[in-house]
C-alpha atoms as a PDB file:
ATOM      1  CA  MET A   1     -21.347   0.880  -4.753  1.00  0.00           C
ATOM      2  CA  ASN A   2     -20.864   0.821  -8.547  1.00  0.00           C
ATOM      3  CA  GLN A   3     -17.767   1.773 -10.531  1.00  0.00           C
ATOM      4  CA  SER A   4     -18.928   5.350 -11.047  1.00  0.00           C
ATOM      5  CA  LYS A   5     -19.489   5.919  -7.329  1.00  0.00           C
ATOM      6  CA  ILE A   6     -16.175   4.236  -6.518  1.00  0.00           C
ATOM      7  CA  GLN A   7     -14.381   6.664  -8.830  1.00  0.00           C
ATOM      8  CA  LYS A   8     -16.134   9.640  -7.228  1.00  0.00           C
ATOM      9  CA  VAL A   9     -15.097   8.542  -3.736  1.00  0.00           C
ATOM     10  CA  LEU A  10     -11.522   7.914  -4.890  1.00  0.00           C
ATOM     11  CA  SER A  11     -11.387  11.363  -6.479  1.00  0.00           C
ATOM     12  CA  LYS A  12     -12.897  13.030  -3.420  1.00  0.00           C
ATOM     13  CA  HIS A  13     -10.403  11.348  -1.107  1.00  0.00           C
ATOM     14  CA  SER A  14      -7.353  11.604  -3.340  1.00  0.00           C
ATOM     15  CA  VAL A  15      -5.219  12.665  -0.357  1.00  0.00           C
ATOM     16  CA  LEU A  16      -4.875  10.515   2.763  1.00  0.00           C
ATOM     17  CA  GLU A  17      -2.757  11.555   5.713  1.00  0.00           C
ATOM     18  CA  SER A  18      -1.162   9.870   8.730  1.00  0.00           C
ATOM     19  CA  GLU A  19       1.304  11.040  11.360  1.00  0.00           C
ATOM     20  CA  ARG A  20       4.339  10.786   9.081  1.00  0.00           C
ATOM     21  CA  LEU A  21       2.965  10.315   5.585  1.00  0.00           C
ATOM     22  CA  ILE A  22       0.778  11.875   2.934  1.00  0.00           C
ATOM     23  CA  LEU A  23      -0.716   9.630   0.262  1.00  0.00           C
ATOM     24  CA  ARG A  24      -1.544  11.822  -2.713  1.00  0.00           C
ATOM     25  CA  PRO A  25      -1.749  11.766  -6.521  1.00  0.00           C
ATOM     26  CA  PHE A  26       1.577  11.604  -8.327  1.00  0.00           C
ATOM     27  CA  SER A  27       2.962  14.755  -9.910  1.00  0.00           C
ATOM     28  CA  ILE A  28       5.442  15.216 -12.755  1.00  0.00           C
ATOM     29  CA  SER A  29       7.706  16.812 -10.152  1.00  0.00           C
ATOM     30  CA  ASP A  30       7.952  13.365  -8.513  1.00  0.00           C
ATOM     31  CA  ALA A  31       9.756  11.917 -11.539  1.00  0.00           C
ATOM     32  CA  GLN A  32      13.255  12.193 -10.058  1.00  0.00           C
ATOM     33  CA  ASP A  33      12.148  10.579  -6.796  1.00  0.00           C
ATOM     34  CA  VAL A  34      10.390   7.818  -8.730  1.00  0.00           C
ATOM     35  CA  PHE A  35      13.536   7.231 -10.769  1.00  0.00           C
ATOM     36  CA  GLU A  36      15.591   7.001  -7.583  1.00  0.00           C
ATOM     37  CA  TYR A  37      13.728   3.962  -6.303  1.00  0.00           C
ATOM     38  CA  SER A  38      12.610   2.492  -9.635  1.00  0.00           C
ATOM     39  CA  SER A  39      16.199   2.262 -10.878  1.00  0.00           C
ATOM     40  CA  ASP A  40      17.265   0.263  -7.814  1.00  0.00           C
ATOM     41  CA  GLU A  41      17.641  -3.455  -8.595  1.00  0.00           C
ATOM     42  CA  GLN A  42      16.896  -4.440  -5.004  1.00  0.00           C
ATOM     43  CA  VAL A  43      13.654  -2.459  -4.991  1.00  0.00           C
ATOM     44  CA  THR A  44      12.443  -3.837  -8.340  1.00  0.00           C
ATOM     45  CA  ARG A  45      13.654  -7.399  -7.700  1.00  0.00           C
ATOM     46  CA  PHE A  46      10.128  -8.763  -7.415  1.00  0.00           C
ATOM     47  CA  LEU A  47       8.390  -6.504  -9.933  1.00  0.00           C
ATOM     48  CA  SER A  48       7.318  -7.425 -13.453  1.00  0.00           C
ATOM     49  CA  TRP A  49       9.355  -4.591 -14.975  1.00  0.00           C
ATOM     50  CA  GLU A  50      13.115  -4.126 -15.035  1.00  0.00           C
ATOM     51  CA  PRO A  51      14.932  -1.293 -13.219  1.00  0.00           C
ATOM     52  CA  LEU A  52      14.642   2.015 -15.032  1.00  0.00           C
ATOM     53  CA  LYS A  53      17.756   3.176 -16.864  1.00  0.00           C
ATOM     54  CA  HIS A  54      16.948   6.829 -17.519  1.00  0.00           C
ATOM     55  CA  PRO A  55      14.946   9.613 -15.796  1.00  0.00           C
ATOM     56  CA  ILE A  56      12.800   9.984 -18.928  1.00  0.00           C
ATOM     57  CA  GLN A  57      11.408   6.521 -18.206  1.00  0.00           C
ATOM     58  CA  ALA A  58      10.353   7.741 -14.773  1.00  0.00           C
ATOM     59  CA  GLU A  59       8.518  10.691 -16.337  1.00  0.00           C
ATOM     60  CA  LYS A  60       6.661   8.271 -18.599  1.00  0.00           C
ATOM     61  CA  LEU A  61       5.800   6.092 -15.612  1.00  0.00           C
ATOM     62  CA  VAL A  62       4.443   9.066 -13.669  1.00  0.00           C
ATOM     63  CA  LYS A  63       2.302  10.065 -16.661  1.00  0.00           C
ATOM     64  CA  GLU A  64       0.832   6.558 -16.645  1.00  0.00           C
ATOM     65  CA  PHE A  65      -0.004   6.994 -12.960  1.00  0.00           C
ATOM     66  CA  LEU A  66      -1.665  10.322 -13.759  1.00  0.00           C
ATOM     67  CA  ALA A  67      -3.723   8.752 -16.545  1.00  0.00           C
ATOM     68  CA  ASN A  68      -5.078   6.319 -13.958  1.00  0.00           C
ATOM     69  CA  ARG A  69      -5.029   8.787 -11.067  1.00  0.00           C
ATOM     70  CA  ALA A  70      -7.836   7.284  -8.990  1.00  0.00           C
ATOM     71  CA  GLY A  71      -6.218   4.595  -6.869  1.00  0.00           C
ATOM     72  CA  SER A  72      -2.590   5.473  -7.619  1.00  0.00           C
ATOM     73  CA  TYR A  73      -0.957   7.167  -4.640  1.00  0.00           C
ATOM     74  CA  ALA A  74       2.480   8.672  -4.189  1.00  0.00           C
ATOM     75  CA  ILE A  75       3.829   8.123  -0.681  1.00  0.00           C
ATOM     76  CA  GLU A  76       5.235  11.424   0.563  1.00  0.00           C
ATOM     77  CA  LEU A  77       7.338  11.561   3.718  1.00  0.00           C
ATOM     78  CA  LYS A  78       6.295  14.741   5.516  1.00  0.00           C
ATOM     79  CA  SER A  79       9.622  15.385   7.223  1.00  0.00           C
ATOM     80  CA  VAL A  80      11.523  15.694   3.933  1.00  0.00           C
ATOM     81  CA  LYS A  81       8.632  16.448   1.537  1.00  0.00           C
ATOM     82  CA  LYS A  82       9.824  13.671  -0.736  1.00  0.00           C
ATOM     83  CA  CYS A  83       8.069  10.908  -2.671  1.00  0.00           C
ATOM     84  CA  ILE A  84       9.542   7.732  -1.174  1.00  0.00           C
ATOM     85  CA  GLY A  85       7.315   5.190  -2.883  1.00  0.00           C
ATOM     86  CA  GLY A  86       3.929   4.381  -4.298  1.00  0.00           C
ATOM     87  CA  ILE A  87       0.851   2.343  -3.495  1.00  0.00           C
ATOM     88  CA  GLU A  88      -1.680   1.127  -6.054  1.00  0.00           C
ATOM     89  CA  LEU A  89      -5.293   0.289  -5.237  1.00  0.00           C
ATOM     90  CA  SER A  90      -7.415  -1.703  -7.697  1.00  0.00           C
ATOM     91  CA  VAL A  91     -11.108  -1.890  -6.777  1.00  0.00           C
ATOM     92  CA  TYR A  92     -13.560  -4.545  -8.017  1.00  0.00           C
ATOM     93  CA  PRO A  93     -16.998  -3.041  -7.217  1.00  0.00           C
ATOM     94  CA  HIS A  94     -19.046  -6.072  -8.265  1.00  0.00           C
ATOM     95  CA  HIS A  95     -17.349  -8.211  -5.605  1.00  0.00           C
ATOM     96  CA  LYS A  96     -16.822  -5.342  -3.142  1.00  0.00           C
ATOM     97  CA  LYS A  97     -13.150  -6.248  -3.000  1.00  0.00           C
ATOM     98  CA  ALA A  98      -9.827  -4.636  -3.847  1.00  0.00           C
ATOM     99  CA  SER A  99      -6.207  -5.579  -4.307  1.00  0.00           C
ATOM    100  CA  VAL A 100      -3.227  -3.480  -3.342  1.00  0.00           C
ATOM    101  CA  GLY A 101       0.434  -3.349  -4.337  1.00  0.00           C
ATOM    102  CA  TYR A 102       3.259  -1.112  -3.206  1.00  0.00           C
ATOM    103  CA  ILE A 103       6.876  -0.063  -3.654  1.00  0.00           C
ATOM    104  CA  LEU A 104       9.260   1.806  -1.343  1.00  0.00           C
ATOM    105  CA  ASN A 105      12.633   3.497  -1.745  1.00  0.00           C
ATOM    106  CA  ARG A 106      15.285   1.253  -0.158  1.00  0.00           C
ATOM    107  CA  LYS A 107      16.699   4.175   1.831  1.00  0.00           C
ATOM    108  CA  TYR A 108      13.483   4.195   3.841  1.00  0.00           C
ATOM    109  CA  TRP A 109      13.062   0.480   4.509  1.00  0.00           C
ATOM    110  CA  ASN A 110      12.692  -0.780   8.095  1.00  0.00           C
ATOM    111  CA  ASN A 111      11.053   2.379   9.425  1.00  0.00           C
ATOM    112  CA  GLY A 112       7.438   1.239   9.387  1.00  0.00           C
ATOM    113  CA  TYR A 113       6.500   3.585   6.546  1.00  0.00           C
ATOM    114  CA  MET A 114       4.904   0.959   4.332  1.00  0.00           C
ATOM    115  CA  THR A 115       2.932  -0.496   7.225  1.00  0.00           C
ATOM    116  CA  GLU A 116       1.676   3.022   7.942  1.00  0.00           C
ATOM    117  CA  ALA A 117       0.758   3.600   4.286  1.00  0.00           C
ATOM    118  CA  LEU A 118      -1.012   0.265   3.885  1.00  0.00           C
ATOM    119  CA  SER A 119      -2.959   0.833   7.108  1.00  0.00           C
ATOM    120  CA  LEU A 120      -4.188   4.150   5.685  1.00  0.00           C
ATOM    121  CA  ILE A 121      -5.367   2.429   2.514  1.00  0.00           C
ATOM    122  CA  LEU A 122      -7.129  -0.370   4.386  1.00  0.00           C
ATOM    123  CA  ASP A 123      -8.901   2.084   6.665  1.00  0.00           C
ATOM    124  CA  PHE A 124     -10.025   4.131   3.649  1.00  0.00           C
ATOM    125  CA  CYS A 125     -11.272   1.031   1.818  1.00  0.00           C
ATOM    126  CA  PHE A 126     -13.380  -0.193   4.706  1.00  0.00           C
ATOM    127  CA  ARG A 127     -14.646   3.151   6.030  1.00  0.00           C
ATOM    128  CA  LYS A 128     -15.225   5.114   2.834  1.00  0.00           C
ATOM    129  CA  LEU A 129     -15.528   2.548   0.040  1.00  0.00           C
ATOM    130  CA  LYS A 130     -17.400   0.049   2.247  1.00  0.00           C
ATOM    131  CA  LEU A 131     -15.522  -2.879   0.706  1.00  0.00           C
ATOM    132  CA  ARG A 132     -15.762  -6.401   2.098  1.00  0.00           C
ATOM    133  CA  SER A 133     -12.148  -7.475   1.780  1.00  0.00           C
ATOM    134  CA  ILE A 134      -8.713  -6.375   0.579  1.00  0.00           C
ATOM    135  CA  GLU A 135      -6.107  -8.685  -0.916  1.00  0.00           C
ATOM    136  CA  ALA A 136      -2.358  -8.386  -1.438  1.00  0.00           C
ATOM    137  CA  ASN A 137       0.329 -10.829  -2.465  1.00  0.00           C
ATOM    138  CA  HIS A 138       4.075 -11.176  -2.635  1.00  0.00           C
ATOM    139  CA  TYR A 139       6.577 -13.422  -4.316  1.00  0.00           C
ATOM    140  CA  GLU A 140       8.335 -16.054  -2.256  1.00  0.00           C
ATOM    141  CA  GLY A 141      11.561 -14.512  -0.977  1.00  0.00           C
ATOM    142  CA  ASN A 142      10.103 -11.032  -0.578  1.00  0.00           C
ATOM    143  CA  ASN A 143       9.597 -11.619   3.131  1.00  0.00           C
ATOM    144  CA  ALA A 144       9.634  -7.923   4.060  1.00  0.00           C
ATOM    145  CA  SER A 145       6.486  -7.373   2.011  1.00  0.00           C
ATOM    146  CA  GLY A 146       4.834 -10.297   3.760  1.00  0.00           C
ATOM    147  CA  ARG A 147       5.667  -8.831   7.157  1.00  0.00           C
ATOM    148  CA  VAL A 148       3.960  -5.571   6.186  1.00  0.00           C
ATOM    149  CA  MET A 149       0.797  -7.473   5.292  1.00  0.00           C
ATOM    150  CA  LYS A 150       0.823  -9.393   8.563  1.00  0.00           C
ATOM    151  CA  LYS A 151       1.396  -6.238  10.619  1.00  0.00           C
ATOM    152  CA  CYS A 152      -1.686  -4.757   8.978  1.00  0.00           C
ATOM    153  CA  GLY A 153      -3.765  -7.740  10.040  1.00  0.00           C
ATOM    154  CA  MET A 154      -3.826  -9.537   6.706  1.00  0.00           C
ATOM    155  CA  LYS A 155      -3.940 -13.320   6.908  1.00  0.00           C
ATOM    156  CA  PHE A 156      -2.446 -15.971   4.644  1.00  0.00           C
ATOM    157  CA  GLN A 157      -5.054 -17.302   2.205  1.00  0.00           C
ATOM    158  CA  GLY A 158      -3.138 -19.596  -0.082  1.00  0.00           C
ATOM    159  CA  MET A 159      -0.406 -19.890  -2.657  1.00  0.00           C
ATOM    160  CA  GLU A 160      -0.088 -19.777  -6.418  1.00  0.00           C
ATOM    161  CA  THR A 161       2.825 -21.990  -7.403  1.00  0.00           C
ATOM    162  CA  LYS A 162       5.580 -21.505  -9.952  1.00  0.00           C
ATOM    163  CA  VAL A 163       4.560 -18.116 -11.304  1.00  0.00           C
ATOM    164  CA  ASN A 164       6.848 -16.783 -14.021  1.00  0.00           C
ATOM    165  CA  LEU A 165       8.605 -13.521 -13.187  1.00  0.00           C
ATOM    166  CA  ASN A 166      11.105 -12.261 -15.748  1.00  0.00           C
ATOM    167  CA  GLY A 167      12.123 -15.790 -16.682  1.00  0.00           C
ATOM    168  CA  GLU A 168      12.279 -17.117 -13.123  1.00  0.00           C
ATOM    169  CA  HIS A 169       9.597 -19.045 -11.276  1.00  0.00           C
ATOM    170  CA  PHE A 170       8.381 -18.197  -7.789  1.00  0.00           C
ATOM    171  CA  ASP A 171       5.493 -19.147  -5.569  1.00  0.00           C
ATOM    172  CA  VAL A 172       3.125 -16.266  -4.851  1.00  0.00           C
ATOM    173  CA  LEU A 173       1.755 -15.963  -1.308  1.00  0.00           C
ATOM    174  CA  ILE A 174      -1.715 -14.447  -1.047  1.00  0.00           C
ATOM    175  CA  TYR A 175      -2.966 -12.480   1.969  1.00  0.00           C
ATOM    176  CA  ALA A 176      -6.288 -10.797   2.731  1.00  0.00           C
ATOM    177  CA  VAL A 177      -8.228  -9.042   5.472  1.00  0.00           C
ATOM    178  CA  SER A 178     -12.005  -8.666   5.734  1.00  0.00           C
ATOM    179  CA  ARG A 179     -13.950  -5.656   6.896  1.00  0.00           C
ATOM    180  CA  GLU A 180     -15.055  -7.554  10.022  1.00  0.00           C
ATOM    181  CA  GLU A 181     -11.473  -8.513  10.870  1.00  0.00           C
ATOM    182  CA  TRP A 182     -10.343  -4.930  10.409  1.00  0.00           C
ATOM    183  CA  LYS A 183     -13.118  -3.637  12.674  1.00  0.00           C
ATOM    184  CA  SER A 184     -12.181  -6.186  15.319  1.00  0.00           C
ATOM    185  CA  GLN A 185      -8.540  -5.078  15.225  1.00  0.00           C
ATOM    186  CA  PHE A 186      -9.551  -1.430  15.573  1.00  0.00           C
ATOM    187  CA  ILE A 187     -11.799  -2.176  18.558  1.00  0.00           C
ATOM    188  CA  ASN A 188      -9.096  -4.271  20.236  1.00  0.00           C
ATOM    189  CA  SER A 189      -6.483  -1.558  19.688  1.00  0.00           C
ATOM    190  CA  PHE A 190      -8.807   1.103  21.103  1.00  0.00           C
ATOM    191  CA  TYR A 191      -9.575  -1.120  24.106  1.00  0.00           C
ATOM    192  CA  ASN A 192      -5.867  -1.661  24.758  1.00  0.00           C
ATOM    193  CA  ILE A 193      -5.235   2.106  24.666  1.00  0.00           C
ATOM    194  CA  LEU A 194      -8.046   2.686  27.165  1.00  0.00           C
ATOM    195  CA  LEU A 195      -6.777  -0.133  29.385  1.00  0.00           C
ATOM    196  CA  LEU A 196      -3.243   1.259  29.338  1.00  0.00           C
ATOM    197  CA  GLY A 197      -4.545   4.703  30.295  1.00  0.00           C
ATOM    198  CA  TRP A 198      -6.645   3.238  33.111  1.00  0.00           C
ATOM    199  CA  ARG A 199      -3.634   1.379  34.500  1.00  0.00           C
ATOM    200  CA  LYS A 200      -1.504   4.516  34.427  1.00  0.00           C
ATOM    201  CA  LEU A 201      -4.176   6.440  36.310  1.00  0.00           C
ATOM    202  CA  ASN A 202      -4.381   3.761  38.969  1.00  0.00           C
ATOM    203  CA  THR A 203      -0.633   3.499  39.455  1.00  0.00           C
ATOM    204  CA  SER A 204       0.085   7.217  39.597  1.00  0.00           C
END
């Protein structure tokens, strides 16, 4: 699938939905929500840009997302109809691979939302884009991000040492999951659901 076809598929499937979340294009109306998490030092600790200081900066950031709409998703929590984060997908058609990065409002940490969002993206990449593998990485110390990757079936691939981040140096841990690995996880999960149902029927 070439770049043109990739863009068409991304545009066609610009909204992805799970039980609790909607992944959709950003809107200017998200600017205040974006500012809320992008101005938080704990949230931006391992990002290449500093915490935002003014809501106008958030509006500018959202406009940048809109300029590169395909692959940039706002994470909306259905229950409150609020943008609680973002997830960015970069596709490399020639290699049939992609990389993904994400950010989440600290108020919504430890609820499984990012695992749910990343799972949606992985499923979309393998089912619709027919990619071979997806990669993600995190800076050493950002263990929560690493746990999300592991929960989604991504496996440790290697490390890039002493990477400069805003004047500090960190190791970067690289994770990836292949299409075959993802399929295997799906089949195993489906089998476990069937097995659980069978056991319930036979014990009732």
